[in-house]
């Protein structure tokens, strides 16, 4: 796969700290207003 801009080491380090039955979502937002994206995601933990 092509590296899209999120550091692989960072993703691995987060993955290593996740507890069982949990997950992490990585978003790389381009050509958008970050505050609008964050508002849409505000209902999630």
PDB file of N, CA and C in Angstrom:
ATOM      1  N   UNK A   1       0.839  -1.193   0.000  1.00  0.00           N
ATOM      2  CA  UNK A   1       0.000   0.000   0.000  1.00  0.00           C
ATOM      3  C   UNK A   1       0.876   1.245   0.000  1.00  0.00           C
ATOM      4  N   UNK A   2       0.325   2.287  -0.492  1.00  0.00           N
ATOM      5  CA  UNK A   2       1.020   3.564  -0.538  1.00  0.00           C
ATOM      6  C   UNK A   2       0.830   4.274   0.801  1.00  0.00           C
ATOM      7  N   UNK A   3       1.874   4.913   1.251  1.00  0.00           N
ATOM      8  CA  UNK A   3       1.792   5.699   2.480  1.00  0.00           C
ATOM      9  C   UNK A   3       1.014   6.971   2.177  1.00  0.00           C
ATOM     10  N   UNK A   4      -0.077   7.174   2.894  1.00  0.00           N
ATOM     11  CA  UNK A   4      -0.942   8.322   2.629  1.00  0.00           C
ATOM     12  C   UNK A   4      -0.631   9.530   3.491  1.00  0.00           C
ATOM     13  N   UNK A   5       0.333   9.435   4.393  1.00  0.00           N
ATOM     14  CA  UNK A   5       0.719  10.609   5.154  1.00  0.00           C
ATOM     15  C   UNK A   5       0.618  10.470   6.661  1.00  0.00           C
ATOM     16  N   UNK A   6       0.081   9.373   7.154  1.00  0.00           N
ATOM     17  CA  UNK A   6       0.068   9.137   8.594  1.00  0.00           C
ATOM     18  C   UNK A   6       1.244   8.211   8.885  1.00  0.00           C
ATOM     19  N   UNK A   7       2.113   8.648   9.760  1.00  0.00           N
ATOM     20  CA  UNK A   7       3.345   7.926  10.057  1.00  0.00           C
ATOM     21  C   UNK A   7       3.054   6.499  10.533  1.00  0.00           C
ATOM     22  N   UNK A   8       3.682   5.512   9.875  1.00  0.00           N
ATOM     23  CA  UNK A   8       3.469   4.109  10.211  1.00  0.00           C
ATOM     24  C   UNK A   8       3.875   3.795  11.651  1.00  0.00           C
ATOM     25  N   UNK A   9       4.956   4.413  12.114  1.00  0.00           N
ATOM     26  CA  UNK A   9       5.400   4.200  13.488  1.00  0.00           C
ATOM     27  C   UNK A   9       4.366   4.690  14.489  1.00  0.00           C
ATOM     28  N   UNK A  10       3.749   5.830  14.193  1.00  0.00           N
ATOM     29  CA  UNK A  10       2.699   6.363  15.065  1.00  0.00           C
ATOM     30  C   UNK A  10       1.506   5.418  15.115  1.00  0.00           C
ATOM     31  N   UNK A  11       1.093   4.920  13.950  1.00  0.00           N
ATOM     32  CA  UNK A  11      -0.038   3.986  13.909  1.00  0.00           C
ATOM     33  C   UNK A  11       0.280   2.738  14.719  1.00  0.00           C
ATOM     34  N   UNK A  12       1.483   2.200  14.562  1.00  0.00           N
ATOM     35  CA  UNK A  12       1.868   1.005  15.314  1.00  0.00           C
ATOM     36  C   UNK A  12       1.894   1.278  16.801  1.00  0.00           C
ATOM     37  N   UNK A  13       2.420   2.427  17.211  1.00  0.00           N
ATOM     38  CA  UNK A  13       2.497   2.730  18.644  1.00  0.00           C
ATOM     39  C   UNK A  13       1.106   2.848  19.259  1.00  0.00           C
ATOM     40  N   UNK A  14       0.166   3.414  18.537  1.00  0.00           N
ATOM     41  CA  UNK A  14      -1.214   3.475  19.035  1.00  0.00           C
ATOM     42  C   UNK A  14      -1.798   2.074  19.097  1.00  0.00           C
ATOM     43  N   UNK A  15      -1.582   1.276  18.057  1.00  0.00           N
ATOM     44  CA  UNK A  15      -2.077  -0.093  18.039  1.00  0.00           C
ATOM     45  C   UNK A  15      -1.555  -0.920  19.197  1.00  0.00           C
ATOM     46  N   UNK A  16      -0.314  -0.680  19.581  1.00  0.00           N
ATOM     47  CA  UNK A  16       0.277  -1.418  20.693  1.00  0.00           C
ATOM     48  C   UNK A  16      -0.346  -1.054  22.037  1.00  0.00           C
ATOM     49  N   UNK A  17      -0.998   0.098  22.126  1.00  0.00           N
ATOM     50  CA  UNK A  17      -1.576   0.530  23.406  1.00  0.00           C
ATOM     51  C   UNK A  17      -3.080   0.254  23.509  1.00  0.00           C
ATOM     52  N   UNK A  18      -3.694  -0.192  22.421  1.00  0.00           N
ATOM     53  CA  UNK A  18      -5.142  -0.434  22.457  1.00  0.00           C
ATOM     54  C   UNK A  18      -5.478  -1.634  23.328  1.00  0.00           C
ATOM     55  N   UNK A  19      -6.527  -1.485  24.087  1.00  0.00           N
ATOM     56  CA  UNK A  19      -7.015  -2.582  24.914  1.00  0.00           C
ATOM     57  C   UNK A  19      -7.886  -3.496  24.060  1.00  0.00           C
ATOM     58  N   UNK A  20      -8.024  -4.765  24.468  1.00  0.00           N
ATOM     59  CA  UNK A  20      -8.885  -5.687  23.711  1.00  0.00           C
ATOM     60  C   UNK A  20     -10.303  -5.124  23.545  1.00  0.00           C
ATOM     61  N   UNK A  21     -10.906  -5.412  22.430  1.00  0.00           N
ATOM     62  CA  UNK A  21     -12.266  -4.976  22.105  1.00  0.00           C
ATOM     63  C   UNK A  21     -12.400  -3.467  21.958  1.00  0.00           C
ATOM     64  N   UNK A  22     -11.298  -2.794  21.635  1.00  0.00           N
ATOM     65  CA  UNK A  22     -11.348  -1.362  21.340  1.00  0.00           C
ATOM     66  C   UNK A  22     -10.735  -1.145  19.959  1.00  0.00           C
ATOM     67  N   UNK A  23     -10.836   0.063  19.476  1.00  0.00           N
ATOM     68  CA  UNK A  23     -10.267   0.371  18.165  1.00  0.00           C
ATOM     69  C   UNK A  23      -9.868   1.835  18.109  1.00  0.00           C
ATOM     70  N   UNK A  24      -9.153   2.167  17.060  1.00  0.00           N
ATOM     71  CA  UNK A  24      -8.762   3.552  16.797  1.00  0.00           C
ATOM     72  C   UNK A  24      -9.070   3.855  15.337  1.00  0.00           C
ATOM     73  N   UNK A  25      -9.438   5.065  15.085  1.00  0.00           N
ATOM     74  CA  UNK A  25      -9.725   5.504  13.726  1.00  0.00           C
ATOM     75  C   UNK A  25      -8.762   6.637  13.385  1.00  0.00           C
ATOM     76  N   UNK A  26      -8.025   6.474  12.300  1.00  0.00           N
ATOM     77  CA  UNK A  26      -7.102   7.502  11.838  1.00  0.00           C
ATOM     78  C   UNK A  26      -7.721   8.177  10.631  1.00  0.00           C
ATOM     79  N   UNK A  27      -7.804   9.477  10.680  1.00  0.00           N
ATOM     80  CA  UNK A  27      -8.352  10.243   9.565  1.00  0.00           C
ATOM     81  C   UNK A  27      -7.308  11.222   9.068  1.00  0.00           C
ATOM     82  N   UNK A  28      -7.141  11.240   7.794  1.00  0.00           N
ATOM     83  CA  UNK A  28      -6.295  12.241   7.170  1.00  0.00           C
ATOM     84  C   UNK A  28      -7.231  13.096   6.330  1.00  0.00           C
ATOM     85  N   UNK A  29      -7.451  14.313   6.773  1.00  0.00           N
ATOM     86  CA  UNK A  29      -8.442  15.182   6.145  1.00  0.00           C
ATOM     87  C   UNK A  29      -7.726  16.190   5.258  1.00  0.00           C
ATOM     88  N   UNK A  30      -8.135  16.201   4.011  1.00  0.00           N
ATOM     89  CA  UNK A  30      -7.583  17.168   3.062  1.00  0.00           C
ATOM     90  C   UNK A  30      -8.735  17.843   2.341  1.00  0.00           C
ATOM     91  N   UNK A  31      -8.519  19.071   1.954  1.00  0.00           N
ATOM     92  CA  UNK A  31      -9.517  19.829   1.206  1.00  0.00           C
ATOM     93  C   UNK A  31     -10.858  19.875   1.933  1.00  0.00           C
ATOM     94  N   UNK A  32     -10.793  20.120   3.212  1.00  0.00           N
ATOM     95  CA  UNK A  32     -11.994  20.230   4.029  1.00  0.00           C
ATOM     96  C   UNK A  32     -11.693  21.180   5.175  1.00  0.00           C
ATOM     97  N   UNK A  33     -12.714  21.552   5.870  1.00  0.00           N
ATOM     98  CA  UNK A  33     -12.538  22.383   7.047  1.00  0.00           C
ATOM     99  C   UNK A  33     -12.530  21.470   8.269  1.00  0.00           C
ATOM    100  N   UNK A  34     -11.367  21.349   8.934  1.00  0.00           N
ATOM    101  CA  UNK A  34     -11.246  20.414  10.054  1.00  0.00           C
ATOM    102  C   UNK A  34     -12.332  20.587  11.120  1.00  0.00           C
ATOM    103  N   UNK A  35     -12.749  21.818  11.381  1.00  0.00           N
ATOM    104  CA  UNK A  35     -13.769  22.032  12.416  1.00  0.00           C
ATOM    105  C   UNK A  35     -15.088  21.369  12.028  1.00  0.00           C
ATOM    106  N   UNK A  36     -15.403  21.312  10.751  1.00  0.00           N
ATOM    107  CA  UNK A  36     -16.627  20.644  10.316  1.00  0.00           C
ATOM    108  C   UNK A  36     -16.513  19.134  10.479  1.00  0.00           C
ATOM    109  N   UNK A  37     -15.345  18.596  10.169  1.00  0.00           N
ATOM    110  CA  UNK A  37     -15.124  17.160  10.352  1.00  0.00           C
ATOM    111  C   UNK A  37     -15.226  16.806  11.834  1.00  0.00           C
ATOM    112  N   UNK A  38     -14.583  17.592  12.684  1.00  0.00           N
ATOM    113  CA  UNK A  38     -14.638  17.334  14.124  1.00  0.00           C
ATOM    114  C   UNK A  38     -16.049  17.441  14.661  1.00  0.00           C
ATOM    115  N   UNK A  39     -16.824  18.370  14.153  1.00  0.00           N
ATOM    116  CA  UNK A  39     -18.222  18.499  14.594  1.00  0.00           C
ATOM    117  C   UNK A  39     -19.014  17.250  14.249  1.00  0.00           C
ATOM    118  N   UNK A  40     -18.789  16.705  13.068  1.00  0.00           N
ATOM    119  CA  UNK A  40     -19.487  15.484  12.654  1.00  0.00           C
ATOM    120  C   UNK A  40     -19.102  14.282  13.522  1.00  0.00           C
ATOM    121  N   UNK A  41     -17.858  14.267  13.994  1.00  0.00           N
ATOM    122  CA  UNK A  41     -17.376  13.135  14.778  1.00  0.00           C
ATOM    123  C   UNK A  41     -17.568  13.328  16.282  1.00  0.00           C
ATOM    124  N   UNK A  42     -18.079  14.450  16.706  1.00  0.00           N
ATOM    125  CA  UNK A  42     -18.147  14.768  18.141  1.00  0.00           C
ATOM    126  C   UNK A  42     -19.049  13.828  18.937  1.00  0.00           C
ATOM    127  N   UNK A  43     -19.947  13.109  18.287  1.00  0.00           N
ATOM    128  CA  UNK A  43     -20.826  12.196  18.998  1.00  0.00           C
ATOM    129  C   UNK A  43     -20.187  10.864  19.342  1.00  0.00           C
ATOM    130  N   UNK A  44     -18.943  10.639  18.912  1.00  0.00           N
ATOM    131  CA  UNK A  44     -18.249   9.378  19.156  1.00  0.00           C
ATOM    132  C   UNK A  44     -17.168   9.559  20.206  1.00  0.00           C
ATOM    133  N   UNK A  45     -16.870   8.502  20.924  1.00  0.00           N
ATOM    134  CA  UNK A  45     -15.791   8.571  21.920  1.00  0.00           C
ATOM    135  C   UNK A  45     -14.455   8.594  21.238  1.00  0.00           C
TER     136      UNK A  45
END
